[in-house]
Amino acid sequence: MRLRSATPEDTAALGRALAELVVGGDLVLLCGDLGAGKTVFAKGLGAGLGVAEPITSPTFTLVREYEGRLRLYHLDVYRLEHLEEAAELGLSELLDDGSVTLIEWGDVISPALPQDYLELHLHLGEADDERLIDVVAVGARWSARQRVLAEVWAPWREEEPSC
């Protein structure tokens, strides 16, 4: 599924919409170049979960924890140099405690993750604030929710090209 976000507010709204669907144990990966909107999406997800404090990029701390309807762990693995360092973050513990885990630059460590996550690839669009977001459900947990995701994100869905 491909989504189109015309503004940063749209990107945050996509995160808020996803917050309505996440459950404890969910893993979401955000992928894309610097400035693609990963942290804006994370802020929207946090707001949708009822996180009161400001969500900031955890680039230098690697992991930030927020309390809302569900606990949110927000990770940024951009600075990891080796895949083995992902294990040191305690990802298995984070995923087992009933929280939602959101990982920026998640594609960097995807081989070290359980094969059940929602992956969003954010790309710069043609207009300044436009973003194209490719959504990939990996594993049974997210594949079972693809239809609901498509409904929730319908206002931002890009039309499929016809043959």
Foldseek 3Di string as FASTA:
>chain_A
DKFKDPALVSLLCLLLLVLVPDWFLAEEEEEEDPPLNLQSSVQSVCVSQVFDDGRDACVPVQWDWTDGVFIEIEGECPPPDDLVVVVVVVVVVRSPPTHYYYYYNVVVNVVVDPQFHKYWYWYDDPDPRMIMIDIDGTDDVVVVCPVVSCVSRVVGDDDDDDD
